[in-house]
Amino acid sequence: MDKERTSILLEKDIMLKLKNMAKFSNKSTSFLIREAVTEYVAKKVPKKEIGIIGIVNSGDPHFAENDEEYLKKNFGKD
């Protein structure tokens, strides 16, 4: 995976906590920051919704023309 360098400024107390976490978890501070940013972005970026149009092949070449009849037949009356 390609990476791009960036710089951030953190409060001293946060950086101290981060260094302690890195020491006790045997991971680098860079790894912990990347992990935190990755989780944050995953929560904030809207998930792409998948539509249902065109997903299934009904096997009937005239299904779109006869959809109302199919729905009435298979899902009850109006």
PDB file of N, CA and C in Angstrom:
ATOM      1  N   MET A   1       0.848  -1.170   0.000  1.00  0.00           N
ATOM      2  CA  MET A   1       0.000   0.000   0.000  1.00  0.00           C
ATOM      3  C   MET A   1       0.894   1.233   0.000  1.00  0.00           C
ATOM      4  N   ASP A   2       0.591   2.175  -0.871  1.00  0.00           N
ATOM      5  CA  ASP A   2       1.340   3.420  -0.912  1.00  0.00           C
ATOM      6  C   ASP A   2       1.027   4.253   0.316  1.00  0.00           C
ATOM      7  N   LYS A   3       2.045   4.918   0.813  1.00  0.00           N
ATOM      8  CA  LYS A   3       1.868   5.772   1.987  1.00  0.00           C
ATOM      9  C   LYS A   3       2.320   7.178   1.650  1.00  0.00           C
ATOM     10  N   GLU A   4       1.775   8.131   2.356  1.00  0.00           N
ATOM     11  CA  GLU A   4       2.143   9.532   2.183  1.00  0.00           C
ATOM     12  C   GLU A   4       2.491  10.099   3.544  1.00  0.00           C
ATOM     13  N   ARG A   5       3.603  10.789   3.601  1.00  0.00           N
ATOM     14  CA  ARG A   5       4.072  11.358   4.863  1.00  0.00           C
ATOM     15  C   ARG A   5       3.262  12.612   5.206  1.00  0.00           C
ATOM     16  N   THR A   6       2.975  12.768   6.505  1.00  0.00           N
ATOM     17  CA  THR A   6       2.304  13.958   7.003  1.00  0.00           C
ATOM     18  C   THR A   6       2.838  14.270   8.388  1.00  0.00           C
ATOM     19  N   SER A   7       2.563  15.448   8.858  1.00  0.00           N
ATOM     20  CA  SER A   7       2.980  15.844  10.208  1.00  0.00           C
ATOM     21  C   SER A   7       1.768  16.347  10.960  1.00  0.00           C
ATOM     22  N   ILE A   8       1.730  16.047  12.250  1.00  0.00           N
ATOM     23  CA  ILE A   8       0.651  16.540  13.095  1.00  0.00           C
ATOM     24  C   ILE A   8       1.243  17.064  14.396  1.00  0.00           C
ATOM     25  N   LEU A   9       0.531  17.939  15.040  1.00  0.00           N
ATOM     26  CA  LEU A   9       0.914  18.421  16.359  1.00  0.00           C
ATOM     27  C   LEU A   9      -0.081  17.872  17.366  1.00  0.00           C
ATOM     28  N   LEU A  10       0.438  17.274  18.424  1.00  0.00           N
ATOM     29  CA  LEU A  10      -0.399  16.731  19.484  1.00  0.00           C
ATOM     30  C   LEU A  10      -0.058  17.420  20.795  1.00  0.00           C
ATOM     31  N   GLU A  11      -1.023  17.470  21.677  1.00  0.00           N
ATOM     32  CA  GLU A  11      -0.775  17.986  23.019  1.00  0.00           C
ATOM     33  C   GLU A  11       0.268  17.092  23.692  1.00  0.00           C
ATOM     34  N   LYS A  12       1.089  17.670  24.535  1.00  0.00           N
ATOM     35  CA  LYS A  12       2.169  16.910  25.181  1.00  0.00           C
ATOM     36  C   LYS A  12       1.637  15.734  25.983  1.00  0.00           C
ATOM     37  N   ASP A  13       0.541  15.934  26.712  1.00  0.00           N
ATOM     38  CA  ASP A  13       0.021  14.835  27.520  1.00  0.00           C
ATOM     39  C   ASP A  13      -0.501  13.686  26.651  1.00  0.00           C
ATOM     40  N   ILE A  14      -1.084  14.001  25.499  1.00  0.00           N
ATOM     41  CA  ILE A  14      -1.554  12.955  24.583  1.00  0.00           C
ATOM     42  C   ILE A  14      -0.360  12.205  23.994  1.00  0.00           C
ATOM     43  N   MET A  15       0.676  12.944  23.628  1.00  0.00           N
ATOM     44  CA  MET A  15       1.868  12.304  23.062  1.00  0.00           C
ATOM     45  C   MET A  15       2.536  11.394  24.084  1.00  0.00           C
ATOM     46  N   LEU A  16       2.574  11.810  25.340  1.00  0.00           N
ATOM     47  CA  LEU A  16       3.152  10.982  26.401  1.00  0.00           C
ATOM     48  C   LEU A  16       2.347   9.690  26.575  1.00  0.00           C
ATOM     49  N   LYS A  17       1.029   9.818  26.563  1.00  0.00           N
ATOM     50  CA  LYS A  17       0.174   8.627  26.671  1.00  0.00           C
ATOM     51  C   LYS A  17       0.374   7.708  25.465  1.00  0.00           C
ATOM     52  N   LEU A  18       0.502   8.319  24.298  1.00  0.00           N
ATOM     53  CA  LEU A  18       0.704   7.540  23.085  1.00  0.00           C
ATOM     54  C   LEU A  18       2.033   6.780  23.134  1.00  0.00           C
ATOM     55  N   LYS A  19       3.081   7.449  23.609  1.00  0.00           N
ATOM     56  CA  LYS A  19       4.386   6.780  23.725  1.00  0.00           C
ATOM     57  C   LYS A  19       4.335   5.632  24.726  1.00  0.00           C
ATOM     58  N   ASN A  20       3.603   5.835  25.822  1.00  0.00           N
ATOM     59  CA  ASN A  20       3.444   4.757  26.809  1.00  0.00           C
ATOM     60  C   ASN A  20       2.671   3.573  26.218  1.00  0.00           C
ATOM     61  N   MET A  21       1.613   3.882  25.476  1.00  0.00           N
ATOM     62  CA  MET A  21       0.846   2.811  24.823  1.00  0.00           C
ATOM     63  C   MET A  21       1.732   2.036  23.859  1.00  0.00           C
ATOM     64  N   ALA A  22       2.560   2.765  23.100  1.00  0.00           N
ATOM     65  CA  ALA A  22       3.450   2.118  22.138  1.00  0.00           C
ATOM     66  C   ALA A  22       4.438   1.209  22.852  1.00  0.00           C
ATOM     67  N   LYS A  23       4.976   1.689  23.943  1.00  0.00           N
ATOM     68  CA  LYS A  23       5.962   0.911  24.693  1.00  0.00           C
ATOM     69  C   LYS A  23       5.351  -0.388  25.235  1.00  0.00           C
ATOM     70  N   PHE A  24       4.171  -0.281  25.832  1.00  0.00           N
ATOM     71  CA  PHE A  24       3.553  -1.456  26.453  1.00  0.00           C
ATOM     72  C   PHE A  24       2.892  -2.397  25.447  1.00  0.00           C
ATOM     73  N   SER A  25       2.546  -1.873  24.276  1.00  0.00           N
ATOM     74  CA  SER A  25       1.936  -2.738  23.262  1.00  0.00           C
ATOM     75  C   SER A  25       2.966  -3.279  22.279  1.00  0.00           C
ATOM     76  N   ASN A  26       4.212  -2.806  22.415  1.00  0.00           N
ATOM     77  CA  ASN A  26       5.285  -3.238  21.529  1.00  0.00           C
ATOM     78  C   ASN A  26       5.004  -2.848  20.076  1.00  0.00           C
ATOM     79  N   LYS A  27       4.340  -1.700  19.890  1.00  0.00           N
ATOM     80  CA  LYS A  27       4.039  -1.158  18.566  1.00  0.00           C
ATOM     81  C   LYS A  27       4.599   0.252  18.502  1.00  0.00           C
ATOM     82  N   SER A  28       4.840   0.739  17.309  1.00  0.00           N
ATOM     83  CA  SER A  28       5.377   2.092  17.159  1.00  0.00           C
ATOM     84  C   SER A  28       4.267   3.128  17.332  1.00  0.00           C
ATOM     85  N   THR A  29       4.672   4.340  17.668  1.00  0.00           N
ATOM     86  CA  THR A  29       3.679   5.420  17.766  1.00  0.00           C
ATOM     87  C   THR A  29       3.052   5.658  16.399  1.00  0.00           C
ATOM     88  N   SER A  30       3.856   5.543  15.342  1.00  0.00           N
ATOM     89  CA  SER A  30       3.315   5.721  13.986  1.00  0.00           C
ATOM     90  C   SER A  30       2.224   4.700  13.694  1.00  0.00           C
ATOM     91  N   PHE A  31       2.457   3.459  14.095  1.00  0.00           N
ATOM     92  CA  PHE A  31       1.451   2.414  13.875  1.00  0.00           C
ATOM     93  C   PHE A  31       0.160   2.756  14.617  1.00  0.00           C
ATOM     94  N   LEU A  32       0.280   3.168  15.875  1.00  0.00           N
ATOM     95  CA  LEU A  32      -0.911   3.489  16.666  1.00  0.00           C
ATOM     96  C   LEU A  32      -1.677   4.670  16.072  1.00  0.00           C
ATOM     97  N   ILE A  33      -0.954   5.666  15.576  1.00  0.00           N
ATOM     98  CA  ILE A  33      -1.612   6.820  14.954  1.00  0.00           C
ATOM     99  C   ILE A  33      -2.321   6.396  13.678  1.00  0.00           C
ATOM    100  N   ARG A  34      -1.648   5.598  12.834  1.00  0.00           N
ATOM    101  CA  ARG A  34      -2.291   5.110  11.597  1.00  0.00           C
ATOM    102  C   ARG A  34      -3.536   4.295  11.919  1.00  0.00           C
ATOM    103  N   GLU A  35      -3.433   3.444  12.932  1.00  0.00           N
ATOM    104  CA  GLU A  35      -4.572   2.616  13.343  1.00  0.00           C
ATOM    105  C   GLU A  35      -5.744   3.486  13.793  1.00  0.00           C
ATOM    106  N   ALA A  36      -5.458   4.494  14.597  1.00  0.00           N
ATOM    107  CA  ALA A  36      -6.514   5.381  15.098  1.00  0.00           C
ATOM    108  C   ALA A  36      -7.159   6.169  13.961  1.00  0.00           C
ATOM    109  N   VAL A  37      -6.343   6.687  13.057  1.00  0.00           N
ATOM    110  CA  VAL A  37      -6.880   7.461  11.933  1.00  0.00           C
ATOM    111  C   VAL A  37      -7.705   6.568  11.017  1.00  0.00           C
ATOM    112  N   THR A  38      -7.233   5.367  10.771  1.00  0.00           N
ATOM    113  CA  THR A  38      -7.966   4.425   9.920  1.00  0.00           C
ATOM    114  C   THR A  38      -9.339   4.113  10.510  1.00  0.00           C
ATOM    115  N   GLU A  39      -9.401   3.850  11.812  1.00  0.00           N
ATOM    116  CA  GLU A  39     -10.687   3.568  12.466  1.00  0.00           C
ATOM    117  C   GLU A  39     -11.604   4.783  12.431  1.00  0.00           C
ATOM    118  N   TYR A  40     -11.053   5.962  12.656  1.00  0.00           N
ATOM    119  CA  TYR A  40     -11.849   7.190  12.640  1.00  0.00           C
ATOM    120  C   TYR A  40     -12.458   7.421  11.258  1.00  0.00           C
ATOM    121  N   VAL A  41     -11.636   7.303  10.230  1.00  0.00           N
ATOM    122  CA  VAL A  41     -12.116   7.526   8.869  1.00  0.00           C
ATOM    123  C   VAL A  41     -13.176   6.496   8.497  1.00  0.00           C
ATOM    124  N   ALA A  42     -12.976   5.244   8.888  1.00  0.00           N
ATOM    125  CA  ALA A  42     -13.950   4.192   8.581  1.00  0.00           C
ATOM    126  C   ALA A  42     -15.319   4.506   9.197  1.00  0.00           C
ATOM    127  N   LYS A  43     -15.324   5.121  10.361  1.00  0.00           N
ATOM    128  CA  LYS A  43     -16.588   5.471  11.021  1.00  0.00           C
ATOM    129  C   LYS A  43     -17.242   6.688  10.386  1.00  0.00           C
ATOM    130  N   LYS A  44     -16.450   7.619   9.877  1.00  0.00           N
ATOM    131  CA  LYS A  44     -16.975   8.885   9.373  1.00  0.00           C
ATOM    132  C   LYS A  44     -17.365   8.881   7.905  1.00  0.00           C
ATOM    133  N   VAL A  45     -16.705   8.053   7.105  1.00  0.00           N
ATOM    134  CA  VAL A  45     -17.002   8.025   5.676  1.00  0.00           C
ATOM    135  C   VAL A  45     -18.281   7.234   5.462  1.00  0.00           C
ATOM    136  N   PRO A  46     -19.255   7.817   4.761  1.00  0.00           N
ATOM    137  CA  PRO A  46     -20.513   7.096   4.541  1.00  0.00           C
ATOM    138  C   PRO A  46     -20.283   5.816   3.746  1.00  0.00           C
ATOM    139  N   LYS A  47     -20.980   4.786   4.163  1.00  0.00           N
ATOM    140  CA  LYS A  47     -20.870   3.512   3.459  1.00  0.00           C
ATOM    141  C   LYS A  47     -21.656   3.590   2.162  1.00  0.00           C
ATOM    142  N   LYS A  48     -21.090   3.009   1.142  1.00  0.00           N
ATOM    143  CA  LYS A  48     -21.739   3.001  -0.163  1.00  0.00           C
ATOM    144  C   LYS A  48     -22.899   2.021  -0.125  1.00  0.00           C
ATOM    145  N   GLU A  49     -24.083   2.517  -0.456  1.00  0.00           N
ATOM    146  CA  GLU A  49     -25.247   1.641  -0.464  1.00  0.00           C
ATOM    147  C   GLU A  49     -25.318   0.906  -1.790  1.00  0.00           C
ATOM    148  N   ILE A  50     -25.710  -0.324  -1.702  1.00  0.00           N
ATOM    149  CA  ILE A  50     -25.834  -1.151  -2.895  1.00  0.00           C
ATOM    150  C   ILE A  50     -27.303  -1.191  -3.296  1.00  0.00           C
ATOM    151  N   GLY A  51     -27.572  -0.831  -4.525  1.00  0.00           N
ATOM    152  CA  GLY A  51     -28.931  -0.896  -5.030  1.00  0.00           C
ATOM    153  C   GLY A  51     -29.283  -2.315  -5.430  1.00  0.00           C
ATOM    154  N   ILE A  52     -30.567  -2.562  -5.609  1.00  0.00           N
ATOM    155  CA  ILE A  52     -30.987  -3.918  -5.974  1.00  0.00           C
ATOM    156  C   ILE A  52     -31.283  -4.040  -7.458  1.00  0.00           C
ATOM    157  N   ILE A  53     -31.295  -2.944  -8.183  1.00  0.00           N
ATOM    158  CA  ILE A  53     -31.629  -2.995  -9.599  1.00  0.00           C
ATOM    159  C   ILE A  53     -30.503  -3.679 -10.362  1.00  0.00           C
ATOM    160  N   GLY A  54     -30.858  -4.671 -11.116  1.00  0.00           N
ATOM    161  CA  GLY A  54     -29.900  -5.349 -11.970  1.00  0.00           C
ATOM    162  C   GLY A  54     -29.036  -6.391 -11.285  1.00  0.00           C
ATOM    163  N   ILE A  55     -29.327  -6.719 -10.045  1.00  0.00           N
ATOM    164  CA  ILE A  55     -28.484  -7.666  -9.332  1.00  0.00           C
ATOM    165  C   ILE A  55     -28.822  -9.114  -9.681  1.00  0.00           C
ATOM    166  N   VAL A  56     -30.066  -9.398  -9.932  1.00  0.00           N
ATOM    167  CA  VAL A  56     -30.503 -10.782 -10.120  1.00  0.00           C
ATOM    168  C   VAL A  56     -30.982 -11.002 -11.548  1.00  0.00           C
ATOM    169  N   ASN A  57     -30.669 -12.152 -12.072  1.00  0.00           N
ATOM    170  CA  ASN A  57     -31.190 -12.559 -13.372  1.00  0.00           C
ATOM    171  C   ASN A  57     -32.392 -13.453 -13.109  1.00  0.00           C
ATOM    172  N   SER A  58     -33.571 -12.996 -13.484  1.00  0.00           N
ATOM    173  CA  SER A  58     -34.796 -13.759 -13.220  1.00  0.00           C
ATOM    174  C   SER A  58     -34.917 -14.963 -14.138  1.00  0.00           C
ATOM    175  N   GLY A  59     -34.172 -14.960 -15.226  1.00  0.00           N
ATOM    176  CA  GLY A  59     -34.300 -16.041 -16.193  1.00  0.00           C
ATOM    177  C   GLY A  59     -35.423 -15.795 -17.180  1.00  0.00           C
ATOM    178  N   ASP A  60     -36.231 -14.771 -16.949  1.00  0.00           N
ATOM    179  CA  ASP A  60     -37.343 -14.435 -17.829  1.00  0.00           C
ATOM    180  C   ASP A  60     -36.983 -13.163 -18.596  1.00  0.00           C
ATOM    181  N   PRO A  61     -36.792 -13.251 -19.896  1.00  0.00           N
ATOM    182  CA  PRO A  61     -36.411 -12.062 -20.660  1.00  0.00           C
ATOM    183  C   PRO A  61     -37.494 -10.974 -20.692  1.00  0.00           C
ATOM    184  N   HIS A  62     -38.724 -11.321 -20.310  1.00  0.00           N
ATOM    185  CA  HIS A  62     -39.825 -10.358 -20.322  1.00  0.00           C
ATOM    186  C   HIS A  62     -40.263  -9.977 -18.905  1.00  0.00           C
ATOM    187  N   PHE A  63     -39.406 -10.243 -17.918  1.00  0.00           N
ATOM    188  CA  PHE A  63     -39.759  -9.990 -16.522  1.00  0.00           C
ATOM    189  C   PHE A  63     -40.134  -8.528 -16.281  1.00  0.00           C
ATOM    190  N   ALA A  64     -39.350  -7.607 -16.813  1.00  0.00           N
ATOM    191  CA  ALA A  64     -39.615  -6.184 -16.581  1.00  0.00           C
ATOM    192  C   ALA A  64     -40.963  -5.769 -17.151  1.00  0.00           C
ATOM    193  N   GLU A  65     -41.372  -6.407 -18.231  1.00  0.00           N
ATOM    194  CA  GLU A  65     -42.661  -6.088 -18.847  1.00  0.00           C
ATOM    195  C   GLU A  65     -43.821  -6.670 -18.037  1.00  0.00           C
ATOM    196  N   ASN A  66     -43.562  -7.749 -17.302  1.00  0.00           N
ATOM    197  CA  ASN A  66     -44.622  -8.460 -16.580  1.00  0.00           C
ATOM    198  C   ASN A  66     -44.457  -8.371 -15.067  1.00  0.00           C
ATOM    199  N   ASP A  67     -43.780  -7.364 -14.576  1.00  0.00           N
ATOM    200  CA  ASP A  67     -43.482  -7.296 -13.144  1.00  0.00           C
ATOM    201  C   ASP A  67     -44.724  -7.201 -12.276  1.00  0.00           C
ATOM    202  N   GLU A  68     -45.734  -6.465 -12.711  1.00  0.00           N
ATOM    203  CA  GLU A  68     -46.958  -6.327 -11.908  1.00  0.00           C
ATOM    204  C   GLU A  68     -47.649  -7.686 -11.735  1.00  0.00           C
ATOM    205  N   GLU A  69     -47.746  -8.445 -12.802  1.00  0.00           N
ATOM    206  CA  GLU A  69     -48.364  -9.763 -12.726  1.00  0.00           C
ATOM    207  C   GLU A  69     -47.568 -10.678 -11.799  1.00  0.00           C
ATOM    208  N   TYR A  70     -46.253 -10.619 -11.883  1.00  0.00           N
ATOM    209  CA  TYR A  70     -45.400 -11.436 -11.022  1.00  0.00           C
ATOM    210  C   TYR A  70     -45.622 -11.096  -9.555  1.00  0.00           C
ATOM    211  N   LEU A  71     -45.679  -9.803  -9.244  1.00  0.00           N
ATOM    212  CA  LEU A  71     -45.873  -9.389  -7.853  1.00  0.00           C
ATOM    213  C   LEU A  71     -47.236  -9.811  -7.326  1.00  0.00           C
ATOM    214  N   LYS A  72     -48.279  -9.648  -8.121  1.00  0.00           N
ATOM    215  CA  LYS A  72     -49.626 -10.054  -7.695  1.00  0.00           C
ATOM    216  C   LYS A  72     -49.684 -11.564  -7.469  1.00  0.00           C
ATOM    217  N   LYS A  73     -49.073 -12.296  -8.366  1.00  0.00           N
ATOM    218  CA  LYS A  73     -49.107 -13.762  -8.301  1.00  0.00           C
ATOM    219  C   LYS A  73     -48.329 -14.278  -7.096  1.00  0.00           C
ATOM    220  N   ASN A  74     -47.184 -13.671  -6.787  1.00  0.00           N
ATOM    221  CA  ASN A  74     -46.301 -14.190  -5.763  1.00  0.00           C
ATOM    222  C   ASN A  74     -46.401 -13.499  -4.407  1.00  0.00           C
ATOM    223  N   PHE A  75     -47.024 -12.318  -4.353  1.00  0.00           N
ATOM    224  CA  PHE A  75     -47.066 -11.602  -3.077  1.00  0.00           C
ATOM    225  C   PHE A  75     -48.473 -11.188  -2.674  1.00  0.00           C
ATOM    226  N   GLY A  76     -49.470 -11.752  -3.239  1.00  0.00           N
ATOM    227  CA  GLY A  76     -50.825 -11.458  -2.816  1.00  0.00           C
ATOM    228  C   GLY A  76     -51.502 -10.416  -3.674  1.00  0.00           C
ATOM    229  N   LYS A  77     -52.670 -10.010  -3.208  1.00  0.00           N
ATOM    230  CA  LYS A  77     -53.498  -9.068  -3.967  1.00  0.00           C
ATOM    231  C   LYS A  77     -53.221  -7.643  -3.539  1.00  0.00           C
ATOM    232  N   ASP A  78     -53.621  -6.690  -4.382  1.00  0.00           N
ATOM    233  CA  ASP A  78     -53.477  -5.272  -4.061  1.00  0.00           C
ATOM    234  C   ASP A  78     -54.321  -4.889  -2.876  1.00  0.00           C
TER     235      ASP A  78
END
